[in-house]
N, C-alpha and C. Protein backbone atom coordinates (compact mmCIF):
# COMPACT_ATOMS: atom_id res chain seq x y z
N UNK A 1 77.51 110.46 106.35
CA UNK A 1 76.14 110.71 105.74
C UNK A 1 75.71 111.49 104.95
N UNK A 2 76.51 112.78 104.77
CA UNK A 2 76.32 113.75 103.63
C UNK A 2 76.36 112.84 102.36
N UNK A 3 76.89 111.67 102.12
CA UNK A 3 77.21 110.69 100.71
C UNK A 3 75.80 110.09 100.76
N UNK A 4 75.42 109.00 102.00
CA UNK A 4 74.34 108.99 101.93
C UNK A 4 73.03 109.46 101.57
N UNK A 5 72.81 110.82 102.38
CA UNK A 5 71.75 111.67 101.79
C UNK A 5 71.88 111.97 100.12
N UNK A 6 72.78 112.36 99.70
CA UNK A 6 72.88 112.93 98.40
C UNK A 6 72.45 111.85 97.23
N UNK A 7 73.02 110.54 97.78
CA UNK A 7 72.78 109.24 96.78
C UNK A 7 71.14 108.99 97.08
N UNK A 8 70.37 108.84 98.41
CA UNK A 8 68.90 109.26 98.17
C UNK A 8 68.46 109.90 98.06
N UNK A 9 69.03 111.15 97.76
CA UNK A 9 68.00 112.20 97.10
C UNK A 9 68.24 112.16 95.95
N UNK A 10 69.21 111.38 95.15
CA UNK A 10 69.15 111.35 93.47
C UNK A 10 68.55 110.49 93.05
N UNK A 11 68.38 109.11 93.90
CA UNK A 11 67.62 108.10 93.41
C UNK A 11 66.20 108.67 93.49
N UNK A 12 65.96 109.67 94.22
CA UNK A 12 64.62 109.75 94.28
C UNK A 12 64.31 110.94 93.29
N UNK A 13 65.44 111.25 92.36
CA UNK A 13 65.11 112.03 91.28
C UNK A 13 64.95 111.09 90.11
N UNK A 14 65.77 109.95 90.36
CA UNK A 14 65.62 109.21 89.33
C UNK A 14 64.32 108.64 89.14
N UNK A 15 63.46 108.09 90.21
CA UNK A 15 62.59 107.78 90.31
C UNK A 15 61.54 108.35 90.34
N UNK A 16 61.14 110.09 90.25
CA UNK A 16 60.53 110.85 89.71
C UNK A 16 60.60 110.88 88.27
N UNK A 17 61.55 110.80 87.68
CA UNK A 17 61.72 110.72 86.24
C UNK A 17 61.54 109.76 85.78
N UNK A 18 61.38 108.52 86.38
CA UNK A 18 60.53 107.15 85.77
C UNK A 18 59.45 106.89 85.77
N UNK A 19 58.75 107.83 87.02
CA UNK A 19 57.71 107.71 87.08
C UNK A 19 56.64 108.73 85.70
N UNK A 20 57.43 109.15 85.07
CA UNK A 20 57.23 110.52 84.18
C UNK A 20 57.48 109.61 82.84
N UNK A 21 58.27 108.81 82.66
CA UNK A 21 58.84 107.93 81.57
C UNK A 21 58.12 106.60 81.23
N UNK A 22 58.38 105.90 82.13
CA UNK A 22 57.28 104.45 82.18
C UNK A 22 56.23 104.40 82.19
N UNK A 23 55.59 103.89 81.20
CA UNK A 23 53.92 104.01 81.37
C UNK A 23 53.20 103.49 82.31
N UNK A 24 53.49 102.27 82.59
CA UNK A 24 53.19 101.79 84.06
C UNK A 24 53.11 102.38 84.95
N UNK A 25 54.40 103.13 85.30
CA UNK A 25 54.60 104.18 86.54
C UNK A 25 53.55 105.26 86.28
N UNK A 26 53.51 105.78 84.84
CA UNK A 26 52.79 107.16 84.77
C UNK A 26 51.17 106.85 85.03
N UNK A 27 50.68 105.82 84.88
CA UNK A 27 49.30 105.46 84.79
C UNK A 27 49.04 105.92 86.40
N UNK A 28 49.84 105.68 87.32
CA UNK A 28 49.84 105.94 88.82
C UNK A 28 50.19 107.27 88.94
N UNK A 29 51.00 107.61 88.61
CA UNK A 29 51.84 109.12 88.95
C UNK A 29 51.07 110.24 88.18
N UNK A 30 50.20 110.04 87.13
CA UNK A 30 49.00 111.09 86.90
C UNK A 30 48.31 111.27 87.83
N UNK A 31 47.84 110.86 88.34
CA UNK A 31 46.79 110.95 89.74
C UNK A 31 47.16 112.18 90.38
N UNK A 32 48.84 112.12 90.47
CA UNK A 32 49.42 113.09 91.32
C UNK A 32 49.29 114.63 90.22
N UNK A 33 49.26 114.70 89.00
CA UNK A 33 49.14 115.63 88.32
C UNK A 33 47.99 116.23 87.70
N UNK A 34 46.83 115.48 87.94
CA UNK A 34 45.83 116.05 87.93
C UNK A 34 45.07 116.74 88.86
N UNK A 35 46.03 117.40 89.99
CA UNK A 35 45.20 118.01 90.75
C UNK A 35 45.72 119.84 89.88
N UNK A 36 44.36 120.36 90.35
CA UNK A 36 44.34 121.31 89.43
C UNK A 36 44.75 122.63 90.56
N UNK A 37 44.95 122.54 91.74
CA UNK A 37 45.38 123.78 92.23
C UNK A 37 47.07 122.78 92.89
N UNK A 38 48.03 123.33 92.96
CA UNK A 38 49.11 123.18 93.32
C UNK A 38 49.20 124.07 94.82
N UNK A 39 49.18 123.06 96.07
CA UNK A 39 49.04 123.43 97.32
C UNK A 39 49.69 122.45 97.93
N UNK A 40 50.01 122.15 99.51
CA UNK A 40 50.31 121.18 100.59
C UNK A 40 49.43 119.55 99.92
N UNK A 41 48.18 119.98 99.66
CA UNK A 41 47.50 118.83 99.92
C UNK A 41 48.04 118.03 98.33
N UNK A 42 48.58 118.75 97.12
CA UNK A 42 49.22 118.21 96.55
C UNK A 42 50.26 117.14 96.47
N UNK A 43 51.16 117.35 97.53
CA UNK A 43 51.94 116.39 98.34
C UNK A 43 51.66 115.05 98.75
N UNK A 44 50.38 115.21 98.99
CA UNK A 44 49.59 113.79 99.29
C UNK A 44 48.92 113.40 98.70
N UNK A 45 48.72 114.05 97.34
CA UNK A 45 47.89 113.31 96.32
C UNK A 45 48.71 112.26 95.43
N UNK A 46 48.59 111.01 96.18
CA UNK A 46 49.38 109.88 95.55
C UNK A 46 48.25 108.60 95.31
N UNK A 47 48.52 108.18 94.20
CA UNK A 47 47.82 106.63 94.39
C UNK A 47 48.37 105.50 95.07
N UNK A 48 47.82 104.89 95.50
CA UNK A 48 48.00 103.68 96.53
C UNK A 48 48.84 103.20 95.49
N UNK A 49 48.39 102.46 94.41
CA UNK A 49 49.51 101.77 93.67
C UNK A 49 50.54 102.75 93.25
N UNK A 50 50.98 103.61 93.38
CA UNK A 50 51.89 104.75 93.44
C UNK A 50 52.97 104.18 94.49
N UNK A 51 52.52 104.35 95.77
CA UNK A 51 53.19 104.30 96.87
C UNK A 51 53.63 102.76 97.21
N UNK A 52 52.52 101.90 96.79
CA UNK A 52 53.21 100.58 96.65
C UNK A 52 54.33 100.19 95.83
N UNK A 53 54.58 100.34 94.58
CA UNK A 53 55.43 100.87 93.69
C UNK A 53 56.47 101.45 94.51
N UNK A 54 56.69 102.43 94.92
CA UNK A 54 57.57 103.27 95.28
C UNK A 54 58.30 102.56 96.69
N UNK A 55 57.87 101.67 97.37
CA UNK A 55 58.17 100.90 98.39
C UNK A 55 59.15 99.83 97.61
N UNK A 56 58.80 99.34 96.34
CA UNK A 56 60.23 98.46 95.89
C UNK A 56 61.20 99.53 95.61
N UNK A 57 60.68 100.35 95.21
CA UNK A 57 61.92 101.46 94.87
C UNK A 57 63.03 101.67 95.97
N UNK A 58 62.24 101.85 97.10
CA UNK A 58 62.93 102.39 98.21
C UNK A 58 63.66 101.06 99.16
N UNK A 59 62.98 100.23 98.89
CA UNK A 59 63.79 98.78 99.46
C UNK A 59 64.96 99.09 98.62
N UNK A 60 65.36 98.82 96.98
CA UNK A 60 66.09 98.75 96.46
C UNK A 60 67.15 99.91 97.12
N UNK A 61 66.69 100.90 97.14
CA UNK A 61 67.60 102.06 97.66
C UNK A 61 68.41 101.51 98.73
N UNK A 62 67.97 100.99 99.58
CA UNK A 62 68.30 100.54 101.30
C UNK A 62 69.22 99.29 100.93
N UNK A 63 68.85 98.59 100.29
CA UNK A 63 69.58 97.31 99.47
C UNK A 63 71.04 98.09 98.82
N UNK A 64 70.78 98.93 97.74
CA UNK A 64 72.40 99.15 97.36
C UNK A 64 73.05 99.98 97.92
N UNK A 65 72.41 101.22 98.76
CA UNK A 65 73.17 102.15 99.38
C UNK A 65 73.34 102.00 100.26
N UNK A 66 72.77 101.10 101.05
CA UNK A 66 72.92 100.52 102.61
C UNK A 66 73.01 101.42 103.86
N UNK A 67 72.08 102.87 103.86
CA UNK A 67 72.29 103.73 104.76
C UNK A 67 72.11 102.99 105.82
N UNK A 68 72.71 103.69 107.10
CA UNK A 68 72.03 103.37 108.85
C UNK A 68 70.81 103.93 108.89
N UNK A 69 69.56 103.21 109.78
CA UNK A 69 68.47 103.47 110.20
C UNK A 69 68.30 105.18 110.61
N UNK A 70 69.09 105.47 111.06
CA UNK A 70 69.11 106.79 111.82
C UNK A 70 69.05 107.77 110.36
N UNK A 71 69.83 107.37 109.36
CA UNK A 71 70.22 108.30 108.20
C UNK A 71 68.79 108.30 107.27
N UNK A 72 68.07 107.24 107.22
CA UNK A 72 66.90 106.71 106.92
C UNK A 72 65.78 107.97 107.28
N UNK A 73 65.89 107.96 108.61
CA UNK A 73 64.63 108.41 109.20
C UNK A 73 64.77 110.12 108.97
N UNK A 74 66.37 110.21 109.33
CA UNK A 74 66.62 111.67 108.95
C UNK A 74 66.35 112.24 107.61
N UNK A 75 66.36 111.42 106.69
CA UNK A 75 66.47 111.68 105.09
C UNK A 75 64.62 111.67 104.75
N UNK A 76 63.87 110.80 105.82
CA UNK A 76 62.27 110.68 105.26
C UNK A 76 61.70 112.14 105.71
N UNK A 77 62.44 112.55 106.78
CA UNK A 77 61.52 113.68 107.62
C UNK A 77 61.99 114.69 106.66
N UNK A 78 63.06 115.10 106.02
CA UNK A 78 63.80 116.28 105.34
C UNK A 78 62.93 116.13 104.05
N UNK A 79 62.75 114.75 103.57
CA UNK A 79 62.10 114.61 101.98
C UNK A 79 60.85 114.78 102.28
N UNK A 80 60.37 114.44 103.00
CA UNK A 80 58.68 114.98 103.48
C UNK A 80 58.31 116.23 103.70
N UNK A 81 59.15 117.05 104.43
CA UNK A 81 59.15 118.25 104.47
C UNK A 81 59.28 119.13 103.31
N UNK A 82 60.32 118.87 102.32
CA UNK A 82 60.75 119.43 101.21
C UNK A 82 59.54 119.17 99.96
N UNK A 83 58.92 118.38 100.34
CA UNK A 83 58.06 117.73 99.48
C UNK A 83 56.72 118.75 99.53
N UNK A 84 56.32 118.77 100.75
CA UNK A 84 55.24 119.70 101.16
C UNK A 84 55.53 121.25 100.79
N UNK A 85 57.04 121.80 101.37
CA UNK A 85 57.43 123.15 100.86
C UNK A 85 57.00 123.13 99.43
N UNK A 86 57.88 122.39 98.85
CA UNK A 86 57.72 122.61 97.29
C UNK A 86 56.16 122.52 96.63
N UNK A 87 55.53 121.84 97.02
CA UNK A 87 53.86 121.64 96.42
C UNK A 87 53.29 123.07 97.02
N UNK A 88 53.64 123.82 98.24
CA UNK A 88 52.84 124.82 98.71
C UNK A 88 52.49 125.91 97.48
N UNK A 89 51.66 126.38 97.77
CA UNK A 89 51.56 127.61 96.95
C UNK A 89 52.22 128.85 97.96
N UNK A 90 53.00 128.81 98.50
CA UNK A 90 53.30 130.19 99.17
C UNK A 90 54.27 130.62 97.84
N UNK A 91 54.14 132.18 97.81
CA UNK A 91 54.50 133.04 96.56
C UNK A 91 56.26 133.67 97.44
N UNK A 92 57.11 133.13 97.26
CA UNK A 92 58.50 133.99 97.90
C UNK A 92 58.80 134.83 97.20
N UNK A 93 59.32 136.19 97.66
CA UNK A 93 59.76 136.99 96.81
C UNK A 93 60.77 136.42 96.04
N UNK A 94 60.87 137.12 94.81
CA UNK A 94 61.45 136.43 93.73
C UNK A 94 62.82 136.46 93.64
N UNK A 95 63.34 137.52 94.64
CA UNK A 95 64.91 137.33 94.92
C UNK A 95 65.43 136.12 95.69
N UNK A 96 64.61 135.85 96.76
CA UNK A 96 64.73 134.89 97.42
C UNK A 96 64.40 133.57 96.82
N UNK A 97 63.43 133.19 96.11
CA UNK A 97 63.10 132.42 95.41
C UNK A 97 64.39 131.56 94.89
N UNK A 98 64.95 132.60 93.78
CA UNK A 98 66.20 132.90 92.88
C UNK A 98 67.36 132.14 93.35
N UNK A 99 67.41 132.56 94.84
CA UNK A 99 68.69 132.00 96.03
C UNK A 99 68.55 130.63 96.32
N UNK A 100 67.46 130.52 96.98
CA UNK A 100 66.66 128.98 97.35
C UNK A 100 67.06 128.28 96.26
N UNK A 101 66.67 128.11 94.99
CA UNK A 101 66.53 127.56 93.67
C UNK A 101 67.91 127.21 93.64
N UNK A 102 68.82 128.05 93.59
CA UNK A 102 70.38 127.49 93.23
C UNK A 102 70.62 126.23 94.34
N UNK A 103 69.80 126.00 95.54
CA UNK A 103 70.55 124.80 96.15
C UNK A 103 69.36 124.06 96.47
N UNK A 104 67.88 124.48 96.62
CA UNK A 104 67.21 123.28 96.77
C UNK A 104 65.88 123.70 96.04
N UNK A 105 64.93 122.86 95.78
CA UNK A 105 63.60 122.90 94.96
C UNK A 105 62.55 124.03 95.65
N UNK A 106 62.49 124.98 95.01
CA UNK A 106 61.35 125.87 95.69
C UNK A 106 59.94 125.69 95.08
N UNK A 107 58.96 126.25 95.78
CA UNK A 107 57.40 126.12 95.48
C UNK A 107 57.68 126.64 93.85
N UNK A 108 57.96 127.68 93.51
CA UNK A 108 57.84 128.37 92.09
C UNK A 108 58.58 127.53 91.09
N UNK A 109 59.77 126.91 91.37
CA UNK A 109 60.45 126.13 90.41
C UNK A 109 59.58 124.47 90.18
N UNK A 110 58.99 123.87 91.38
CA UNK A 110 58.25 122.80 90.73
C UNK A 110 56.72 123.24 90.38
N UNK A 111 56.31 124.06 90.82
CA UNK A 111 55.13 124.80 90.22
C UNK A 111 55.08 124.75 88.76
N UNK A 112 56.63 124.92 88.13
CA UNK A 112 56.52 125.01 86.85
C UNK A 112 56.55 123.26 86.40
N UNK A 113 57.14 122.37 87.09
CA UNK A 113 56.64 121.07 86.68
C UNK A 113 55.63 120.61 86.50
N UNK A 114 54.35 121.21 87.44
CA UNK A 114 53.10 121.04 87.81
C UNK A 114 52.17 121.43 86.45
N UNK A 115 52.89 122.61 85.51
CA UNK A 115 52.18 123.03 84.14
C UNK A 115 51.62 122.17 83.57
N UNK A 116 50.72 122.71 82.77
CA UNK A 116 50.06 121.64 81.68
C UNK A 116 50.67 122.06 80.45
N UNK A 117 51.58 122.72 80.55
CA UNK A 117 52.58 122.47 79.12
C UNK A 117 54.01 121.67 79.45
N UNK A 118 53.42 120.52 78.51
CA UNK A 118 54.31 118.96 78.70
C UNK A 118 55.97 119.72 78.44
N UNK A 119 56.50 120.75 77.99
CA UNK A 119 57.92 120.80 77.92
C UNK A 119 57.89 121.35 79.52
N UNK A 120 57.12 121.98 79.94
CA UNK A 120 57.67 122.29 81.14
C UNK A 120 57.38 121.31 82.42
N UNK A 121 56.34 120.27 82.05
CA UNK A 121 56.35 119.39 83.05
C UNK A 121 57.34 118.27 82.98
N UNK A 122 57.74 118.06 81.76
CA UNK A 122 59.31 117.15 81.44
C UNK A 122 60.20 117.95 82.20
N UNK A 123 60.77 118.62 83.14
CA UNK A 123 61.38 119.53 84.14
C UNK A 123 61.35 119.51 85.20
N UNK A 124 62.28 119.79 85.64
CA UNK A 124 62.51 120.08 87.63
C UNK A 124 61.81 118.75 88.15
N UNK A 125 62.38 117.70 87.83
CA UNK A 125 62.12 116.43 88.63
C UNK A 125 62.50 116.19 90.13
N UNK A 126 63.71 117.04 90.46
CA UNK A 126 64.30 117.19 91.99
C UNK A 126 63.52 117.31 92.80
N UNK A 127 63.95 116.60 93.91
CA UNK A 127 62.72 116.30 95.30
C UNK A 127 63.52 116.88 95.94
N UNK A 128 64.63 117.38 96.56
CA UNK A 128 65.24 118.17 97.66
C UNK A 128 66.21 119.02 96.96
N UNK A 129 67.43 118.66 96.96
CA UNK A 129 68.10 119.54 95.89
C UNK A 129 68.06 119.60 94.50
N UNK A 130 68.46 121.16 93.99
CA UNK A 130 68.07 120.93 92.68
C UNK A 130 69.35 120.92 91.58
N UNK A 131 70.15 120.62 92.37
CA UNK A 131 71.71 120.06 91.31
C UNK A 131 71.50 118.99 90.33
N UNK A 132 70.33 118.09 90.95
CA UNK A 132 70.06 116.95 89.66
C UNK A 132 69.63 117.85 88.89
N UNK A 133 68.73 118.59 88.88
CA UNK A 133 67.96 118.95 87.45
C UNK A 133 69.31 119.74 86.78
N UNK A 134 70.03 120.33 87.53
CA UNK A 134 71.01 121.05 87.25
C UNK A 134 72.00 120.12 85.90
N UNK A 135 72.61 118.92 86.78
CA UNK A 135 73.20 118.31 86.20
C UNK A 135 72.66 117.77 85.07
N UNK A 136 71.58 117.03 85.00
CA UNK A 136 70.71 116.57 84.04
C UNK A 136 70.54 117.35 82.71
N UNK A 137 70.38 118.51 83.49
CA UNK A 137 70.14 119.52 82.20
C UNK A 137 68.61 119.84 82.17
N UNK A 138 67.59 119.11 83.02
CA UNK A 138 66.36 119.28 83.15
C UNK A 138 65.71 120.69 84.12
N UNK A 139 66.65 121.40 84.52
CA UNK A 139 65.96 122.94 85.11
C UNK A 139 65.52 123.90 84.32
N UNK A 140 64.50 124.14 84.71
CA UNK A 140 63.80 125.08 84.14
C UNK A 140 63.03 126.39 85.08
N UNK A 141 63.84 127.18 85.16
CA UNK A 141 63.48 128.35 86.09
C UNK A 141 62.59 129.57 85.54
N UNK A 142 62.70 129.81 84.35
CA UNK A 142 62.06 130.46 83.59
C UNK A 142 61.13 130.05 82.41
N UNK A 143 60.18 130.58 82.59
CA UNK A 143 58.81 130.52 81.47
C UNK A 143 58.25 131.71 81.07
N UNK A 144 56.89 131.41 80.23
CA UNK A 144 56.56 132.48 79.37
C UNK A 144 55.50 133.33 80.70
N UNK A 145 55.54 135.14 80.56
CA UNK A 145 55.11 135.79 81.36
C UNK A 145 53.85 135.27 81.84
N UNK A 146 52.84 134.61 81.05
CA UNK A 146 51.22 134.31 81.16
C UNK A 146 51.27 133.65 82.72
N UNK A 147 50.10 133.60 83.55
CA UNK A 147 50.04 132.69 84.50
C UNK A 147 50.22 131.32 84.35
N UNK A 148 50.87 130.34 85.33
CA UNK A 148 51.22 129.26 85.24
C UNK A 148 49.67 128.49 85.73
N UNK A 149 49.15 127.40 84.40
CA UNK A 149 48.11 126.41 84.83
C UNK A 149 48.77 125.30 84.89
N UNK A 150 48.08 125.11 86.57
CA UNK A 150 48.48 123.55 86.94
C UNK A 150 47.92 122.69 86.58
N UNK A 151 48.02 121.11 86.23
CA UNK A 151 47.33 120.10 85.69
C UNK A 151 47.70 119.67 84.54
N UNK A 152 46.88 118.59 84.06
CA UNK A 152 46.98 117.93 82.70
C UNK A 152 45.84 118.58 81.55
N UNK A 153 46.31 118.90 80.25
CA UNK A 153 45.05 119.26 79.42
C UNK A 153 43.96 118.61 79.34
N UNK A 154 44.43 117.12 79.72
CA UNK A 154 43.55 116.22 79.17
C UNK A 154 42.37 115.98 80.12
N UNK A 155 43.07 116.55 81.39
CA UNK A 155 42.25 116.63 82.64
C UNK A 155 41.84 117.81 83.47
N UNK A 156 40.84 118.57 82.88
CA UNK A 156 40.68 119.93 82.97
C UNK A 156 39.39 119.98 84.22
N UNK A 157 38.59 118.86 84.09
CA UNK A 157 37.49 118.81 85.17
C UNK A 157 37.98 118.34 86.73
N UNK A 158 37.50 118.67 87.87
CA UNK A 158 37.97 117.78 89.25
C UNK A 158 37.46 116.49 88.73
N UNK A 159 38.44 115.80 89.19
CA UNK A 159 37.93 114.40 89.81
C UNK A 159 37.82 114.03 91.25
N UNK A 160 36.87 113.44 91.44
CA UNK A 160 36.49 112.74 93.02
C UNK A 160 37.54 111.56 93.17
N UNK A 161 37.53 111.27 94.57
CA UNK A 161 38.35 110.30 95.13
C UNK A 161 38.08 108.54 93.92
N UNK A 162 36.61 108.34 93.91
CA UNK A 162 36.32 107.32 93.19
C UNK A 162 37.34 107.04 91.70
N UNK A 163 36.82 108.32 90.98
CA UNK A 163 37.49 108.88 89.79
C UNK A 163 39.12 108.56 89.79
N UNK A 164 39.67 109.16 91.02
CA UNK A 164 40.92 108.92 90.96
C UNK A 164 41.42 107.48 91.16
N UNK A 165 40.62 106.97 92.17
CA UNK A 165 41.42 105.69 92.54
C UNK A 165 41.27 104.59 91.43
N UNK A 166 40.07 104.87 90.52
CA UNK A 166 40.03 104.19 89.37
C UNK A 166 40.98 104.56 87.86
N UNK A 167 41.47 105.45 87.82
CA UNK A 167 42.31 106.14 86.89
C UNK A 167 42.87 105.40 86.07
N UNK A 168 44.19 104.63 87.22
CA UNK A 168 45.15 103.75 86.44
C UNK A 168 44.74 102.74 85.86
N UNK A 169 43.36 102.11 86.24
CA UNK A 169 42.82 100.89 85.42
C UNK A 169 42.15 101.56 84.50
N UNK A 170 41.79 102.55 84.02
CA UNK A 170 40.90 102.97 82.78
C UNK A 170 41.67 103.30 81.63
N UNK A 171 40.96 103.17 80.57
CA UNK A 171 41.96 103.75 79.25
C UNK A 171 42.08 105.22 79.32
N UNK A 172 43.49 105.29 79.26
CA UNK A 172 43.88 106.58 79.25
C UNK A 172 44.00 107.43 78.22
N UNK A 173 43.61 108.52 78.51
CA UNK A 173 43.47 110.13 77.59
C UNK A 173 44.98 110.46 77.28
N UNK A 174 45.34 110.29 75.98
CA UNK A 174 46.96 111.25 76.16
C UNK A 174 46.88 112.46 76.98
N UNK A 175 47.54 112.72 78.15
CA UNK A 175 47.91 113.74 78.70
C UNK A 175 47.82 115.20 77.93
N UNK A 176 48.62 115.30 77.30
CA UNK A 176 49.01 116.10 76.59
C UNK A 176 48.35 116.20 75.11
N UNK A 177 47.88 116.95 74.37
CA UNK A 177 47.34 116.92 72.89
C UNK A 177 48.69 116.69 71.88
N UNK A 178 48.43 115.97 70.68
CA UNK A 178 49.55 115.35 69.77
C UNK A 178 49.44 116.52 68.56
């Protein structure tokens, strides 16, 4: 079971990274990153197209890793709980956050990933265990002192449900200025 949990978590790190690197996947995933306030609702803000595409990824996980059904259920509960936790707007004491971030993804750590700064968004892709970002040197805990600004520079106005659903199918603005 421990190896299965590690493999499932690692493949979700890879999936998240692919969502930022593969243009087709990014068209859908950017809906998640257009949120201007990072809170638990952000953990649910995924385009239906991204959820559909992730079903294929998860089917491949099951086919390749071959985890037993009880392990998949445990992983899914832990995965969804971790996703809600690290998208929350909880402000943990700095020392506690640092200690937790040595093992798991914290709200502060994942908040950096949702920054308007491209270098920060291209970091902290882990979902449950922070070791994958350490392994791939994509971990970023320190950042400039100014307040963290959430979202994408190209999408600073709130988008309604209709706009969010249509966004992947429209001409995309560059998410970051060139």
